C-alpha atoms as a PDB file:
ATOM      1  CA  MET A   1      23.946 -28.204  19.524  1.00  0.00           C
ATOM      2  CA  ARG A   2      27.022 -27.993  17.344  1.00  0.00           C
ATOM      3  CA  ARG A   3      27.415 -25.000  15.035  1.00  0.00           C
ATOM      4  CA  LEU A   4      28.795 -25.727  11.601  1.00  0.00           C
ATOM      5  CA  THR A   5      32.062 -24.116  10.587  1.00  0.00           C
ATOM      6  CA  ASP A   6      31.912 -21.685   7.656  1.00  0.00           C
ATOM      7  CA  ALA A   7      33.416 -24.330   5.353  1.00  0.00           C
ATOM      8  CA  GLU A   8      30.873 -26.937   6.491  1.00  0.00           C
ATOM      9  CA  ALA A   9      27.942 -24.528   6.140  1.00  0.00           C
ATOM     10  CA  GLN A  10      29.087 -23.598   2.640  1.00  0.00           C
ATOM     11  CA  LEU A  11      28.377 -27.139   1.427  1.00  0.00           C
ATOM     12  CA  PHE A  12      24.696 -26.572   2.310  1.00  0.00           C
ATOM     13  CA  LEU A  13      24.585 -23.052   0.891  1.00  0.00           C
ATOM     14  CA  GLU A  14      25.831 -24.083  -2.563  1.00  0.00           C
ATOM     15  CA  PRO A  15      23.584 -26.152  -4.872  1.00  0.00           C
ATOM     16  CA  ASN A  16      24.942 -29.492  -3.665  1.00  0.00           C
ATOM     17  CA  PHE A  17      22.469 -32.335  -3.418  1.00  0.00           C
ATOM     18  CA  GLY A  18      21.902 -33.971  -0.065  1.00  0.00           C
ATOM     19  CA  TRP A  19      20.399 -37.173   1.273  1.00  0.00           C
ATOM     20  CA  ALA A  20      18.029 -37.321   4.208  1.00  0.00           C
ATOM     21  CA  ALA A  21      17.786 -40.582   6.139  1.00  0.00           C
ATOM     22  CA  THR A  22      14.709 -41.197   8.270  1.00  0.00           C
ATOM     23  CA  THR A  23      13.378 -44.337   9.945  1.00  0.00           C
ATOM     24  CA  ARG A  24      10.303 -46.264   8.791  1.00  0.00           C
ATOM     25  CA  ALA A  25       7.813 -47.694  11.293  1.00  0.00           C
ATOM     26  CA  ASP A  26       9.464 -51.122  10.982  1.00  0.00           C
ATOM     27  CA  GLY A  27      12.858 -49.618  11.914  1.00  0.00           C
ATOM     28  CA  THR A  28      14.402 -49.797   8.455  1.00  0.00           C
ATOM     29  CA  PRO A  29      16.061 -46.703   6.952  1.00  0.00           C
ATOM     30  CA  GLN A  30      14.386 -44.570   4.288  1.00  0.00           C
ATOM     31  CA  LEU A  31      16.755 -42.441   2.199  1.00  0.00           C
ATOM     32  CA  SER A  32      15.782 -39.555  -0.085  1.00  0.00           C
ATOM     33  CA  VAL A  33      17.715 -37.119  -2.240  1.00  0.00           C
ATOM     34  CA  VAL A  34      16.874 -33.579  -1.091  1.00  0.00           C
ATOM     35  CA  TRP A  35      17.658 -29.976  -1.899  1.00  0.00           C
ATOM     36  CA  VAL A  36      19.436 -28.617   1.178  1.00  0.00           C
ATOM     37  CA  ASP A  37      19.975 -25.254   2.835  1.00  0.00           C
ATOM     38  CA  TYR A  38      21.422 -23.793   6.048  1.00  0.00           C
ATOM     39  CA  ASP A  39      19.804 -21.007   8.068  1.00  0.00           C
ATOM     40  CA  GLY A  40      22.772 -20.176  10.302  1.00  0.00           C
ATOM     41  CA  GLU A  41      21.763 -22.735  12.941  1.00  0.00           C
ATOM     42  CA  ASN A  42      19.897 -25.575  11.268  1.00  0.00           C
ATOM     43  CA  VAL A  43      20.275 -27.727   8.195  1.00  0.00           C
ATOM     44  CA  VAL A  44      17.058 -27.213   6.247  1.00  0.00           C
ATOM     45  CA  PHE A  45      15.253 -29.181   3.563  1.00  0.00           C
ATOM     46  CA  ASN A  46      11.737 -29.188   2.144  1.00  0.00           C
ATOM     47  CA  THR A  47       9.222 -31.945   1.515  1.00  0.00           C
ATOM     48  CA  ALA A  48       5.469 -32.382   1.108  1.00  0.00           C
ATOM     49  CA  GLU A  49       2.658 -33.851   3.185  1.00  0.00           C
ATOM     50  CA  GLY A  50       1.837 -37.407   2.182  1.00  0.00           C
ATOM     51  CA  ARG A  51       5.480 -38.351   1.575  1.00  0.00           C
ATOM     52  CA  ALA A  52       7.487 -40.744   3.735  1.00  0.00           C
ATOM     53  CA  LYS A  53       9.826 -38.128   5.246  1.00  0.00           C
ATOM     54  CA  PRO A  54       7.249 -36.120   7.228  1.00  0.00           C
ATOM     55  CA  ARG A  55       5.401 -39.278   8.272  1.00  0.00           C
ATOM     56  CA  ASN A  56       8.638 -40.888   9.490  1.00  0.00           C
ATOM     57  CA  LEU A  57       9.864 -37.718  11.218  1.00  0.00           C
ATOM     58  CA  ARG A  58       6.633 -37.216  13.147  1.00  0.00           C
ATOM     59  CA  ARG A  59       7.009 -40.740  14.513  1.00  0.00           C
ATOM     60  CA  ASN A  60      10.780 -40.470  15.117  1.00  0.00           C
ATOM     61  CA  PRO A  61      12.287 -36.981  14.659  1.00  0.00           C
ATOM     62  CA  TYR A  62      15.904 -38.151  14.525  1.00  0.00           C
ATOM     63  CA  VAL A  63      17.370 -37.669  11.044  1.00  0.00           C
ATOM     64  CA  SER A  64      20.705 -37.758   9.267  1.00  0.00           C
ATOM     65  CA  VAL A  65      21.443 -35.424   6.350  1.00  0.00           C
ATOM     66  CA  ALA A  66      24.515 -35.887   4.168  1.00  0.00           C
ATOM     67  CA  VAL A  67      25.888 -33.613   1.462  1.00  0.00           C
ATOM     68  CA  TYR A  68      28.982 -33.633  -0.722  1.00  0.00           C
ATOM     69  CA  ASP A  69      30.720 -30.988  -2.793  1.00  0.00           C
ATOM     70  CA  ARG A  70      29.535 -31.339  -6.411  1.00  0.00           C
ATOM     71  CA  ASP A  71      33.010 -30.259  -7.609  1.00  0.00           C
ATOM     72  CA  ASP A  72      34.930 -32.513  -5.226  1.00  0.00           C
ATOM     73  CA  PRO A  73      32.934 -35.505  -3.933  1.00  0.00           C
ATOM     74  CA  TYR A  74      35.727 -36.281  -1.466  1.00  0.00           C
ATOM     75  CA  ARG A  75      34.594 -33.173   0.495  1.00  0.00           C
ATOM     76  CA  TRP A  76      31.490 -34.229   2.401  1.00  0.00           C
ATOM     77  CA  LEU A  77      29.528 -33.627   5.568  1.00  0.00           C
ATOM     78  CA  THR A  78      26.943 -35.551   7.582  1.00  0.00           C
ATOM     79  CA  VAL A  79      24.701 -33.872  10.152  1.00  0.00           C
ATOM     80  CA  GLU A  80      22.613 -35.891  12.594  1.00  0.00           C
ATOM     81  CA  GLY A  81      19.985 -34.320  14.805  1.00  0.00           C
ATOM     82  CA  THR A  82      16.393 -33.791  15.746  1.00  0.00           C
ATOM     83  CA  ALA A  83      14.023 -32.425  13.104  1.00  0.00           C
ATOM     84  CA  GLU A  84      11.318 -29.831  13.573  1.00  0.00           C
ATOM     85  CA  LEU A  85       8.584 -29.671  10.914  1.00  0.00           C
ATOM     86  CA  SER A  86       6.562 -26.606   9.981  1.00  0.00           C
ATOM     87  CA  HIS A  87       4.258 -25.401   7.228  1.00  0.00           C
ATOM     88  CA  GLU A  88       5.114 -21.775   7.977  1.00  0.00           C
ATOM     89  CA  GLY A  89       7.459 -20.440   5.294  1.00  0.00           C
ATOM     90  CA  ALA A  90       7.597 -23.793   3.479  1.00  0.00           C
ATOM     91  CA  LEU A  91       6.211 -22.525   0.169  1.00  0.00           C
ATOM     92  CA  GLU A  92       8.608 -19.561   0.112  1.00  0.00           C
ATOM     93  CA  HIS A  93      11.469 -21.910   0.971  1.00  0.00           C
ATOM     94  CA  ILE A  94      10.746 -24.380  -1.852  1.00  0.00           C
ATOM     95  CA  ASN A  95      10.625 -21.424  -4.259  1.00  0.00           C
ATOM     96  CA  GLU A  96      14.070 -20.314  -3.015  1.00  0.00           C
ATOM     97  CA  LEU A  97      15.398 -23.852  -3.450  1.00  0.00           C
ATOM     98  CA  GLN A  98      13.913 -24.033  -6.960  1.00  0.00           C
ATOM     99  CA  LEU A  99      15.880 -20.890  -7.855  1.00  0.00           C
ATOM    100  CA  LYS A 100      19.062 -22.184  -6.182  1.00  0.00           C
ATOM    101  CA  TYR A 101      19.014 -25.611  -7.839  1.00  0.00           C
ATOM    102  CA  ARG A 102      17.277 -24.960 -11.149  1.00  0.00           C
ATOM    103  CA  GLY A 103      17.957 -21.272 -11.725  1.00  0.00           C
ATOM    104  CA  ARG A 104      14.291 -20.454 -12.100  1.00  0.00           C
ATOM    105  CA  GLY A 105      11.137 -20.142 -10.083  1.00  0.00           C
ATOM    106  CA  PRO A 106       8.605 -20.500  -8.730  1.00  0.00           C
ATOM    107  CA  TYR A 107       8.434 -24.179  -7.854  1.00  0.00           C
ATOM    108  CA  PRO A 108       5.740 -25.934  -9.961  1.00  0.00           C
ATOM    109  CA  LEU A 109       3.467 -26.812  -7.050  1.00  0.00           C
ATOM    110  CA  PRO A 110       1.028 -29.627  -7.881  1.00  0.00           C
ATOM    111  CA  GLU A 111      -2.583 -28.806  -7.074  1.00  0.00           C
ATOM    112  CA  GLY A 112      -3.363 -29.462  -3.412  1.00  0.00           C
ATOM    113  CA  GLU A 113       0.240 -30.127  -2.380  1.00  0.00           C
ATOM    114  CA  GLN A 114       1.139 -28.794   1.074  1.00  0.00           C
ATOM    115  CA  ARG A 115       4.845 -28.127   1.579  1.00  0.00           C
ATOM    116  CA  VAL A 116       6.699 -28.839   4.815  1.00  0.00           C
ATOM    117  CA  ILE A 117       9.957 -27.238   5.895  1.00  0.00           C
ATOM    118  CA  VAL A 118      12.256 -29.464   7.964  1.00  0.00           C
ATOM    119  CA  ARG A 119      14.867 -27.892  10.239  1.00  0.00           C
ATOM    120  CA  VAL A 120      17.542 -30.182  11.631  1.00  0.00           C
ATOM    121  CA  ARG A 121      19.433 -28.968  14.703  1.00  0.00           C
ATOM    122  CA  PRO A 122      22.994 -30.365  14.414  1.00  0.00           C
ATOM    123  CA  GLU A 123      23.762 -32.690  17.315  1.00  0.00           C
ATOM    124  CA  ARG A 124      26.490 -34.737  15.669  1.00  0.00           C
ATOM    125  CA  VAL A 125      28.599 -33.645  12.706  1.00  0.00           C
ATOM    126  CA  THR A 126      31.052 -35.769  10.740  1.00  0.00           C
ATOM    127  CA  SER A 127      32.971 -34.239   7.858  1.00  0.00           C
ATOM    128  CA  ARG A 128      35.881 -34.409   5.503  1.00  0.00           C
ATOM    129  CA  ILE A 129      36.395 -30.767   4.601  1.00  0.00           C
END
């Protein structure tokens, strides 16, 4: 595992948008814009059951997450690693992300939606910080 530097971690702690790349069953990439976070060890994002990301990650847990500085898009970071999915804490996490990115909360959870928290352990990091 590679720990992020403080400057790298800061890109995930600020309300910068990220992209998560997973792999479909046919081997083609699936890319989604995601709200991102960092828990001191893992890059973290949130999704919901029934979407492509959790389905793809359960089949192949390797993921790439990229983020760039909203004030300077030439400052960017890509983290590749293995994802772990959990329902525990996922609702609280999406509410925190709602506050971080939209300045309000709680997240407007559609009826019956089950949130999933995705933690990505950095194995390879590429950056221009």
